[in-house]
Amino acid sequence: MFFDLERDNKQEYCEISFPGKILENKTEIDGPGINNLLIGCSFDGYKNVGMPITSEYFNTTLKFIGGNKATLNFHGELVADHGVSYEARTVGPVEFEYSL
């Protein structure tokens, strides 16, 4: 899943993926989500900002709302390879549709 971000008149993005069979098994997340979510963002020219090895995911909520639809709510500190960190959060739950 890709999110386009607009910040300081810059176009940036985040890619969020769910490893394993999280979506297939409709496994809900309510907690840090560090083992159930992979985030890679592009901020200020840095790529793969937010990988779980260096970042801290404070709270993640993934809920399934029927069919192939779900909502994701996220808050965490995403760290770049060069040590620069960004606090990131969704503005409320983001609804999305997925296919397997």
PDB file of N, CA and C in Angstrom:
ATOM      1  N   MET A   1       0.845  -1.137   0.000  1.00  0.00           N
ATOM      2  CA  MET A   1       0.000   0.000   0.000  1.00  0.00           C
ATOM      3  C   MET A   1       0.908   1.222   0.000  1.00  0.00           C
ATOM      4  N   PHE A   2       0.597   2.191  -0.836  1.00  0.00           N
ATOM      5  CA  PHE A   2       1.382   3.425  -0.925  1.00  0.00           C
ATOM      6  C   PHE A   2       0.561   4.601  -0.426  1.00  0.00           C
ATOM      7  N   PHE A   3       1.204   5.492   0.323  1.00  0.00           N
ATOM      8  CA  PHE A   3       0.600   6.741   0.749  1.00  0.00           C
ATOM      9  C   PHE A   3       1.434   7.869   0.177  1.00  0.00           C
ATOM     10  N   ASP A   4       0.787   8.795  -0.513  1.00  0.00           N
ATOM     11  CA  ASP A   4       1.470  10.005  -0.946  1.00  0.00           C
ATOM     12  C   ASP A   4       1.373  11.017   0.182  1.00  0.00           C
ATOM     13  N   LEU A   5       2.479  11.681   0.453  1.00  0.00           N
ATOM     14  CA  LEU A   5       2.547  12.662   1.526  1.00  0.00           C
ATOM     15  C   LEU A   5       2.877  14.018   0.948  1.00  0.00           C
ATOM     16  N   GLU A   6       2.294  15.039   1.504  1.00  0.00           N
ATOM     17  CA  GLU A   6       2.657  16.389   1.103  1.00  0.00           C
ATOM     18  C   GLU A   6       3.163  17.096   2.348  1.00  0.00           C
ATOM     19  N   ARG A   7       4.406  17.565   2.290  1.00  0.00           N
ATOM     20  CA  ARG A   7       5.043  18.195   3.445  1.00  0.00           C
ATOM     21  C   ARG A   7       5.978  19.271   2.946  1.00  0.00           C
ATOM     22  N   ASP A   8       5.820  20.480   3.438  1.00  0.00           N
ATOM     23  CA  ASP A   8       6.684  21.602   3.044  1.00  0.00           C
ATOM     24  C   ASP A   8       6.784  21.747   1.521  1.00  0.00           C
ATOM     25  N   ASN A   9       5.646  21.611   0.862  1.00  0.00           N
ATOM     26  CA  ASN A   9       5.561  21.709  -0.600  1.00  0.00           C
ATOM     27  C   ASN A   9       6.401  20.661  -1.314  1.00  0.00           C
ATOM     28  N   LYS A  10       6.675  19.532  -0.651  1.00  0.00           N
ATOM     29  CA  LYS A  10       7.415  18.433  -1.267  1.00  0.00           C
ATOM     30  C   LYS A  10       6.491  17.235  -1.393  1.00  0.00           C
ATOM     31  N   GLN A  11       6.627  16.505  -2.467  1.00  0.00           N
ATOM     32  CA  GLN A  11       5.872  15.277  -2.644  1.00  0.00           C
ATOM     33  C   GLN A  11       6.737  14.114  -2.177  1.00  0.00           C
ATOM     34  N   GLU A  12       6.260  13.383  -1.193  1.00  0.00           N
ATOM     35  CA  GLU A  12       7.009  12.251  -0.673  1.00  0.00           C
ATOM     36  C   GLU A  12       6.031  11.091  -0.529  1.00  0.00           C
ATOM     37  N   TYR A  13       6.515   9.925  -0.159  1.00  0.00           N
ATOM     38  CA  TYR A  13       5.628   8.766  -0.099  1.00  0.00           C
ATOM     39  C   TYR A  13       6.084   7.786   0.976  1.00  0.00           C
ATOM     40  N   CYS A  14       5.152   6.918   1.349  1.00  0.00           N
ATOM     41  CA  CYS A  14       5.448   5.790   2.231  1.00  0.00           C
ATOM     42  C   CYS A  14       4.838   4.540   1.620  1.00  0.00           C
ATOM     43  N   GLU A  15       5.559   3.454   1.717  1.00  0.00           N
ATOM     44  CA  GLU A  15       5.039   2.152   1.311  1.00  0.00           C
ATOM     45  C   GLU A  15       4.875   1.321   2.581  1.00  0.00           C
ATOM     46  N   ILE A  16       3.684   0.795   2.769  1.00  0.00           N
ATOM     47  CA  ILE A  16       3.396  -0.032   3.941  1.00  0.00           C
ATOM     48  C   ILE A  16       3.048  -1.421   3.450  1.00  0.00           C
ATOM     49  N   SER A  17       3.707  -2.414   4.020  1.00  0.00           N
ATOM     50  CA  SER A  17       3.383  -3.793   3.658  1.00  0.00           C
ATOM     51  C   SER A  17       3.175  -4.607   4.925  1.00  0.00           C
ATOM     52  N   PHE A  18       2.434  -5.664   4.763  1.00  0.00           N
ATOM     53  CA  PHE A  18       2.095  -6.558   5.868  1.00  0.00           C
ATOM     54  C   PHE A  18       2.721  -7.913   5.581  1.00  0.00           C
ATOM     55  N   PRO A  19       3.772  -8.284   6.319  1.00  0.00           N
ATOM     56  CA  PRO A  19       4.441  -9.560   6.055  1.00  0.00           C
ATOM     57  C   PRO A  19       3.577 -10.749   6.465  1.00  0.00           C
ATOM     58  N   GLY A  20       3.949 -11.904   5.955  1.00  0.00           N
ATOM     59  CA  GLY A  20       3.216 -13.122   6.310  1.00  0.00           C
ATOM     60  C   GLY A  20       1.812 -13.098   5.754  1.00  0.00           C
ATOM     61  N   LYS A  21       0.900 -13.623   6.501  1.00  0.00           N
ATOM     62  CA  LYS A  21      -0.481 -13.744   6.035  1.00  0.00           C
ATOM     63  C   LYS A  21      -1.422 -12.870   6.857  1.00  0.00           C
ATOM     64  N   ILE A  22      -0.944 -11.694   7.248  1.00  0.00           N
ATOM     65  CA  ILE A  22      -1.748 -10.774   8.064  1.00  0.00           C
ATOM     66  C   ILE A  22      -3.081 -10.478   7.386  1.00  0.00           C
ATOM     67  N   LEU A  23      -3.047 -10.084   6.107  1.00  0.00           N
ATOM     68  CA  LEU A  23      -4.281  -9.740   5.409  1.00  0.00           C
ATOM     69  C   LEU A  23      -5.093 -10.986   5.069  1.00  0.00           C
ATOM     70  N   GLU A  24      -4.428 -12.023   4.622  1.00  0.00           N
ATOM     71  CA  GLU A  24      -5.132 -13.252   4.237  1.00  0.00           C
ATOM     72  C   GLU A  24      -5.889 -13.848   5.425  1.00  0.00           C
ATOM     73  N   ASN A  25      -5.268 -13.852   6.595  1.00  0.00           N
ATOM     74  CA  ASN A  25      -5.899 -14.415   7.795  1.00  0.00           C
ATOM     75  C   ASN A  25      -6.717 -13.396   8.573  1.00  0.00           C
ATOM     76  N   LYS A  26      -6.752 -12.151   8.070  1.00  0.00           N
ATOM     77  CA  LYS A  26      -7.477 -11.063   8.730  1.00  0.00           C
ATOM     78  C   LYS A  26      -7.077 -10.944  10.202  1.00  0.00           C
ATOM     79  N   THR A  27      -5.761 -10.909  10.415  1.00  0.00           N
ATOM     80  CA  THR A  27      -5.202 -10.781  11.759  1.00  0.00           C
ATOM     81  C   THR A  27      -5.180  -9.308  12.152  1.00  0.00           C
ATOM     82  N   GLU A  28      -5.999  -8.951  13.121  1.00  0.00           N
ATOM     83  CA  GLU A  28      -6.046  -7.559  13.548  1.00  0.00           C
ATOM     84  C   GLU A  28      -4.833  -7.224  14.415  1.00  0.00           C
ATOM     85  N   ILE A  29      -4.430  -5.971  14.381  1.00  0.00           N
ATOM     86  CA  ILE A  29      -3.287  -5.483  15.156  1.00  0.00           C
ATOM     87  C   ILE A  29      -3.800  -4.402  16.105  1.00  0.00           C
ATOM     88  N   ASP A  30      -3.400  -4.484  17.346  1.00  0.00           N
ATOM     89  CA  ASP A  30      -3.712  -3.437  18.314  1.00  0.00           C
ATOM     90  C   ASP A  30      -2.544  -3.367  19.289  1.00  0.00           C
ATOM     91  N   GLY A  31      -1.580  -2.534  18.994  1.00  0.00           N
ATOM     92  CA  GLY A  31      -0.359  -2.436  19.792  1.00  0.00           C
ATOM     93  C   GLY A  31       0.738  -1.831  18.936  1.00  0.00           C
ATOM     94  N   PRO A  32       1.986  -2.097  19.280  1.00  0.00           N
ATOM     95  CA  PRO A  32       3.080  -1.511  18.503  1.00  0.00           C
ATOM     96  C   PRO A  32       3.083  -1.930  17.031  1.00  0.00           C
ATOM     97  N   GLY A  33       2.788  -3.191  16.714  1.00  0.00           N
ATOM     98  CA  GLY A  33       2.760  -3.643  15.327  1.00  0.00           C
ATOM     99  C   GLY A  33       4.112  -3.845  14.701  1.00  0.00           C
ATOM    100  N   ILE A  34       5.177  -3.798  15.486  1.00  0.00           N
ATOM    101  CA  ILE A  34       6.533  -3.863  14.937  1.00  0.00           C
ATOM    102  C   ILE A  34       6.793  -5.162  14.184  1.00  0.00           C
ATOM    103  N   ASN A  35       6.153  -6.257  14.573  1.00  0.00           N
ATOM    104  CA  ASN A  35       6.360  -7.536  13.891  1.00  0.00           C
ATOM    105  C   ASN A  35       5.363  -7.774  12.770  1.00  0.00           C
ATOM    106  N   ASN A  36       4.372  -6.901  12.633  1.00  0.00           N
ATOM    107  CA  ASN A  36       3.293  -7.137  11.674  1.00  0.00           C
ATOM    108  C   ASN A  36       3.210  -6.106  10.568  1.00  0.00           C
ATOM    109  N   LEU A  37       4.151  -5.188  10.539  1.00  0.00           N
ATOM    110  CA  LEU A  37       4.054  -4.073   9.623  1.00  0.00           C
ATOM    111  C   LEU A  37       5.451  -3.683   9.169  1.00  0.00           C
ATOM    112  N   LEU A  38       5.609  -3.395   7.894  1.00  0.00           N
ATOM    113  CA  LEU A  38       6.875  -2.873   7.367  1.00  0.00           C
ATOM    114  C   LEU A  38       6.580  -1.542   6.697  1.00  0.00           C
ATOM    115  N   ILE A  39       7.298  -0.516   7.099  1.00  0.00           N
ATOM    116  CA  ILE A  39       7.097   0.817   6.539  1.00  0.00           C
ATOM    117  C   ILE A  39       8.407   1.291   5.934  1.00  0.00           C
ATOM    118  N   GLY A  40       8.349   1.749   4.718  1.00  0.00           N
ATOM    119  CA  GLY A  40       9.506   2.356   4.063  1.00  0.00           C
ATOM    120  C   GLY A  40       9.071   3.657   3.421  1.00  0.00           C
ATOM    121  N   CYS A  41       9.616   4.769   3.868  1.00  0.00           N
ATOM    122  CA  CYS A  41       9.206   6.087   3.377  1.00  0.00           C
ATOM    123  C   CYS A  41      10.369   6.784   2.683  1.00  0.00           C
ATOM    124  N   SER A  42      10.043   7.788   1.926  1.00  0.00           N
ATOM    125  CA  SER A  42      11.025   8.662   1.311  1.00  0.00           C
ATOM    126  C   SER A  42      10.809  10.052   1.887  1.00  0.00           C
ATOM    127  N   PHE A  43      11.776  10.531   2.684  1.00  0.00           N
ATOM    128  CA  PHE A  43      11.723  11.864   3.269  1.00  0.00           C
ATOM    129  C   PHE A  43      13.047  12.564   3.011  1.00  0.00           C
ATOM    130  N   ASP A  44      12.996  13.790   2.556  1.00  0.00           N
ATOM    131  CA  ASP A  44      14.193  14.625   2.394  1.00  0.00           C
ATOM    132  C   ASP A  44      15.318  13.923   1.636  1.00  0.00           C
ATOM    133  N   GLY A  45      14.974  13.099   0.667  1.00  0.00           N
ATOM    134  CA  GLY A  45      15.984  12.397  -0.115  1.00  0.00           C
ATOM    135  C   GLY A  45      16.456  11.094   0.501  1.00  0.00           C
ATOM    136  N   TYR A  46      16.057  10.793   1.722  1.00  0.00           N
ATOM    137  CA  TYR A  46      16.401   9.505   2.348  1.00  0.00           C
ATOM    138  C   TYR A  46      15.378   8.467   1.925  1.00  0.00           C
ATOM    139  N   LYS A  47      15.842   7.278   1.598  1.00  0.00           N
ATOM    140  CA  LYS A  47      14.953   6.181   1.210  1.00  0.00           C
ATOM    141  C   LYS A  47      14.869   5.180   2.359  1.00  0.00           C
ATOM    142  N   ASN A  48      13.800   4.398   2.373  1.00  0.00           N
ATOM    143  CA  ASN A  48      13.570   3.350   3.382  1.00  0.00           C
ATOM    144  C   ASN A  48      13.580   3.882   4.810  1.00  0.00           C
ATOM    145  N   VAL A  49      13.105   5.085   4.994  1.00  0.00           N
ATOM    146  CA  VAL A  49      12.951   5.634   6.342  1.00  0.00           C
ATOM    147  C   VAL A  49      11.838   4.847   7.027  1.00  0.00           C
ATOM    148  N   GLY A  50      12.103   4.353   8.218  1.00  0.00           N
ATOM    149  CA  GLY A  50      11.047   3.698   8.978  1.00  0.00           C
ATOM    150  C   GLY A  50      11.159   2.194   9.105  1.00  0.00           C
ATOM    151  N   MET A  51      12.221   1.603   8.602  1.00  0.00           N
ATOM    152  CA  MET A  51      12.341   0.149   8.713  1.00  0.00           C
ATOM    153  C   MET A  51      12.390  -0.235  10.190  1.00  0.00           C
ATOM    154  N   PRO A  52      11.749  -1.354  10.571  1.00  0.00           N
ATOM    155  CA  PRO A  52      11.593  -1.679  11.992  1.00  0.00           C
ATOM    156  C   PRO A  52      12.886  -1.950  12.756  1.00  0.00           C
ATOM    157  N   ILE A  53      13.988  -2.162  12.089  1.00  0.00           N
ATOM    158  CA  ILE A  53      15.246  -2.425  12.785  1.00  0.00           C
ATOM    159  C   ILE A  53      15.669  -1.192  13.584  1.00  0.00           C
ATOM    160  N   THR A  54      15.461   0.001  13.030  1.00  0.00           N
ATOM    161  CA  THR A  54      15.913   1.223  13.684  1.00  0.00           C
ATOM    162  C   THR A  54      14.773   2.101  14.185  1.00  0.00           C
ATOM    163  N   SER A  55      13.562   1.862  13.749  1.00  0.00           N
ATOM    164  CA  SER A  55      12.443   2.735  14.079  1.00  0.00           C
ATOM    165  C   SER A  55      11.651   2.200  15.259  1.00  0.00           C
ATOM    166  N   GLU A  56      10.820   3.053  15.811  1.00  0.00           N
ATOM    167  CA  GLU A  56       9.964   2.642  16.917  1.00  0.00           C
ATOM    168  C   GLU A  56       8.511   2.892  16.521  1.00  0.00           C
ATOM    169  N   TYR A  57       7.722   1.843  16.517  1.00  0.00           N
ATOM    170  CA  TYR A  57       6.304   1.952  16.213  1.00  0.00           C
ATOM    171  C   TYR A  57       5.571   2.016  17.546  1.00  0.00           C
ATOM    172  N   PHE A  58       4.994   3.160  17.883  1.00  0.00           N
ATOM    173  CA  PHE A  58       4.348   3.340  19.178  1.00  0.00           C
ATOM    174  C   PHE A  58       2.999   2.631  19.231  1.00  0.00           C
ATOM    175  N   ASN A  59       2.174   2.866  18.229  1.00  0.00           N
ATOM    176  CA  ASN A  59       0.837   2.285  18.235  1.00  0.00           C
ATOM    177  C   ASN A  59       0.372   2.042  16.806  1.00  0.00           C
ATOM    178  N   THR A  60      -0.139   0.863  16.584  1.00  0.00           N
ATOM    179  CA  THR A  60      -0.682   0.480  15.289  1.00  0.00           C
ATOM    180  C   THR A  60      -2.007  -0.222  15.517  1.00  0.00           C
ATOM    181  N   THR A  61      -3.012   0.180  14.754  1.00  0.00           N
ATOM    182  CA  THR A  61      -4.297  -0.498  14.820  1.00  0.00           C
ATOM    183  C   THR A  61      -4.705  -0.869  13.401  1.00  0.00           C
ATOM    184  N   LEU A  62      -4.935  -2.148  13.178  1.00  0.00           N
ATOM    185  CA  LEU A  62      -5.437  -2.647  11.902  1.00  0.00           C
ATOM    186  C   LEU A  62      -6.726  -3.382  12.202  1.00  0.00           C
ATOM    187  N   LYS A  63      -7.814  -2.933  11.595  1.00  0.00           N
ATOM    188  CA  LYS A  63      -9.121  -3.563  11.806  1.00  0.00           C
ATOM    189  C   LYS A  63      -9.732  -3.892  10.454  1.00  0.00           C
ATOM    190  N   PHE A  64     -10.385  -5.030  10.371  1.00  0.00           N
ATOM    191  CA  PHE A  64     -11.054  -5.449   9.148  1.00  0.00           C
ATOM    192  C   PHE A  64     -12.524  -5.084   9.260  1.00  0.00           C
ATOM    193  N   ILE A  65     -13.066  -4.476   8.200  1.00  0.00           N
ATOM    194  CA  ILE A  65     -14.425  -3.942   8.266  1.00  0.00           C
ATOM    195  C   ILE A  65     -15.364  -4.617   7.279  1.00  0.00           C
ATOM    196  N   GLY A  66     -14.972  -5.734   6.731  1.00  0.00           N
ATOM    197  CA  GLY A  66     -15.847  -6.478   5.827  1.00  0.00           C
ATOM    198  C   GLY A  66     -15.262  -6.597   4.437  1.00  0.00           C
ATOM    199  N   GLY A  67     -15.497  -7.750   3.840  1.00  0.00           N
ATOM    200  CA  GLY A  67     -14.946  -8.007   2.508  1.00  0.00           C
ATOM    201  C   GLY A  67     -13.438  -7.875   2.543  1.00  0.00           C
ATOM    202  N   ASN A  68     -12.880  -7.175   1.575  1.00  0.00           N
ATOM    203  CA  ASN A  68     -11.439  -6.912   1.529  1.00  0.00           C
ATOM    204  C   ASN A  68     -11.153  -5.461   1.886  1.00  0.00           C
ATOM    205  N   LYS A  69     -11.829  -4.963   2.901  1.00  0.00           N
ATOM    206  CA  LYS A  69     -11.607  -3.599   3.364  1.00  0.00           C
ATOM    207  C   LYS A  69     -11.115  -3.632   4.804  1.00  0.00           C
ATOM    208  N   ALA A  70     -10.232  -2.677   5.104  1.00  0.00           N
ATOM    209  CA  ALA A  70      -9.683  -2.578   6.450  1.00  0.00           C
ATOM    210  C   ALA A  70      -9.363  -1.119   6.737  1.00  0.00           C
ATOM    211  N   THR A  71      -9.083  -0.836   8.013  1.00  0.00           N
ATOM    212  CA  THR A  71      -8.610   0.488   8.394  1.00  0.00           C
ATOM    213  C   THR A  71      -7.271   0.341   9.103  1.00  0.00           C
ATOM    214  N   LEU A  72      -6.415   1.326   8.901  1.00  0.00           N
ATOM    215  CA  LEU A  72      -5.097   1.345   9.525  1.00  0.00           C
ATOM    216  C   LEU A  72      -4.921   2.681  10.229  1.00  0.00           C
ATOM    217  N   ASN A  73      -4.474   2.625  11.461  1.00  0.00           N
ATOM    218  CA  ASN A  73      -4.125   3.803  12.236  1.00  0.00           C
ATOM    219  C   ASN A  73      -2.703   3.573  12.726  1.00  0.00           C
ATOM    220  N   PHE A  74      -1.807   4.536  12.551  1.00  0.00           N
ATOM    221  CA  PHE A  74      -0.396   4.339  12.881  1.00  0.00           C
ATOM    222  C   PHE A  74       0.189   5.575  13.546  1.00  0.00           C
ATOM    223  N   HIS A  75       1.092   5.343  14.502  1.00  0.00           N
ATOM    224  CA  HIS A  75       1.881   6.413  15.101  1.00  0.00           C
ATOM    225  C   HIS A  75       3.246   5.833  15.447  1.00  0.00           C
ATOM    226  N   GLY A  76       4.303   6.479  15.006  1.00  0.00           N
ATOM    227  CA  GLY A  76       5.636   5.977  15.307  1.00  0.00           C
ATOM    228  C   GLY A  76       6.718   6.988  15.004  1.00  0.00           C
ATOM    229  N   GLU A  77       7.935   6.626  15.367  1.00  0.00           N
ATOM    230  CA  GLU A  77       9.111   7.424  15.035  1.00  0.00           C
ATOM    231  C   GLU A  77       9.884   6.656  13.976  1.00  0.00           C
ATOM    232  N   LEU A  78       9.972   7.228  12.789  1.00  0.00           N
ATOM    233  CA  LEU A  78      10.622   6.580  11.659  1.00  0.00           C
ATOM    234  C   LEU A  78      12.039   7.126  11.537  1.00  0.00           C
ATOM    235  N   VAL A  79      13.021   6.242  11.483  1.00  0.00           N
ATOM    236  CA  VAL A  79      14.429   6.646  11.491  1.00  0.00           C
ATOM    237  C   VAL A  79      15.079   6.313  10.155  1.00  0.00           C
ATOM    238  N   ALA A  80      15.845   7.261   9.628  1.00  0.00           N
ATOM    239  CA  ALA A  80      16.593   7.060   8.381  1.00  0.00           C
ATOM    240  C   ALA A  80      17.947   6.442   8.698  1.00  0.00           C
ATOM    241  N   ASP A  81      18.599   5.907   7.679  1.00  0.00           N
ATOM    242  CA  ASP A  81      19.927   5.305   7.836  1.00  0.00           C
ATOM    243  C   ASP A  81      20.934   6.276   8.445  1.00  0.00           C
ATOM    244  N   HIS A  82      20.764   7.546   8.181  1.00  0.00           N
ATOM    245  CA  HIS A  82      21.718   8.552   8.656  1.00  0.00           C
ATOM    246  C   HIS A  82      21.368   9.069  10.046  1.00  0.00           C
ATOM    247  N   GLY A  83      20.424   8.439  10.733  1.00  0.00           N
ATOM    248  CA  GLY A  83      20.075   8.817  12.094  1.00  0.00           C
ATOM    249  C   GLY A  83      19.019   9.905  12.220  1.00  0.00           C
ATOM    250  N   VAL A  84      18.573  10.470  11.115  1.00  0.00           N
ATOM    251  CA  VAL A  84      17.521  11.480  11.157  1.00  0.00           C
ATOM    252  C   VAL A  84      16.201  10.774  11.431  1.00  0.00           C
ATOM    253  N   SER A  85      15.396  11.328  12.339  1.00  0.00           N
ATOM    254  CA  SER A  85      14.126  10.671  12.653  1.00  0.00           C
ATOM    255  C   SER A  85      12.953  11.600  12.367  1.00  0.00           C
ATOM    256  N   TYR A  86      11.803  10.985  12.077  1.00  0.00           N
ATOM    257  CA  TYR A  86      10.578  11.697  11.764  1.00  0.00           C
ATOM    258  C   TYR A  86       9.445  11.059  12.562  1.00  0.00           C
ATOM    259  N   GLU A  87       8.660  11.874  13.232  1.00  0.00           N
ATOM    260  CA  GLU A  87       7.458  11.358  13.875  1.00  0.00           C
ATOM    261  C   GLU A  87       6.368  11.315  12.820  1.00  0.00           C
ATOM    262  N   ALA A  88       5.706  10.183  12.712  1.00  0.00           N
ATOM    263  CA  ALA A  88       4.676  10.018  11.689  1.00  0.00           C
ATOM    264  C   ALA A  88       3.427   9.428  12.318  1.00  0.00           C
ATOM    265  N   ARG A  89       2.291   9.872  11.823  1.00  0.00           N
ATOM    266  CA  ARG A  89       1.020   9.309  12.277  1.00  0.00           C
ATOM    267  C   ARG A  89      -0.030   9.540  11.207  1.00  0.00           C
ATOM    268  N   THR A  90      -0.991   8.635  11.178  1.00  0.00           N
ATOM    269  CA  THR A  90      -2.136   8.856  10.309  1.00  0.00           C
ATOM    270  C   THR A  90      -3.053   9.854  11.012  1.00  0.00           C
ATOM    271  N   VAL A  91      -3.828  10.577  10.241  1.00  0.00           N
ATOM    272  CA  VAL A  91      -4.798  11.512  10.802  1.00  0.00           C
ATOM    273  C   VAL A  91      -6.113  10.743  10.910  1.00  0.00           C
ATOM    274  N   GLY A  92      -6.209   9.950  11.960  1.00  0.00           N
ATOM    275  CA  GLY A  92      -7.362   9.062  12.114  1.00  0.00           C
ATOM    276  C   GLY A  92      -7.156   7.803  11.298  1.00  0.00           C
ATOM    277  N   PRO A  93      -8.078   6.869  11.408  1.00  0.00           N
ATOM    278  CA  PRO A  93      -7.955   5.623  10.650  1.00  0.00           C
ATOM    279  C   PRO A  93      -8.066   5.861   9.136  1.00  0.00           C
ATOM    280  N   VAL A  94      -7.199   5.204   8.383  1.00  0.00           N
ATOM    281  CA  VAL A  94      -7.227   5.286   6.925  1.00  0.00           C
ATOM    282  C   VAL A  94      -7.871   4.011   6.406  1.00  0.00           C
ATOM    283  N   GLU A  95      -8.962   4.155   5.662  1.00  0.00           N
ATOM    284  CA  GLU A  95      -9.650   2.990   5.099  1.00  0.00           C
ATOM    285  C   GLU A  95      -9.003   2.626   3.773  1.00  0.00           C
ATOM    286  N   PHE A  96      -8.800   1.317   3.543  1.00  0.00           N
ATOM    287  CA  PHE A  96      -8.224   0.874   2.276  1.00  0.00           C
ATOM    288  C   PHE A  96      -8.841  -0.458   1.881  1.00  0.00           C
ATOM    289  N   GLU A  97      -8.739  -0.748   0.600  1.00  0.00           N
ATOM    290  CA  GLU A  97      -9.205  -2.024   0.050  1.00  0.00           C
ATOM    291  C   GLU A  97      -7.994  -2.761  -0.477  1.00  0.00           C
ATOM    292  N   TYR A  98      -7.934  -4.057  -0.275  1.00  0.00           N
ATOM    293  CA  TYR A  98      -6.783  -4.845  -0.684  1.00  0.00           C
ATOM    294  C   TYR A  98      -7.231  -6.070  -1.472  1.00  0.00           C
ATOM    295  N   SER A  99      -6.283  -6.634  -2.217  1.00  0.00           N
ATOM    296  CA  SER A  99      -6.529  -7.898  -2.918  1.00  0.00           C
ATOM    297  C   SER A  99      -5.383  -8.844  -2.577  1.00  0.00           C
ATOM    298  N   LEU A 100      -5.699 -10.121  -2.577  1.00  0.00           N
ATOM    299  CA  LEU A 100      -4.706 -11.130  -2.212  1.00  0.00           C
ATOM    300  C   LEU A 100      -4.112 -11.761  -3.457  1.00  0.00           C
TER     301      LEU A 100
END
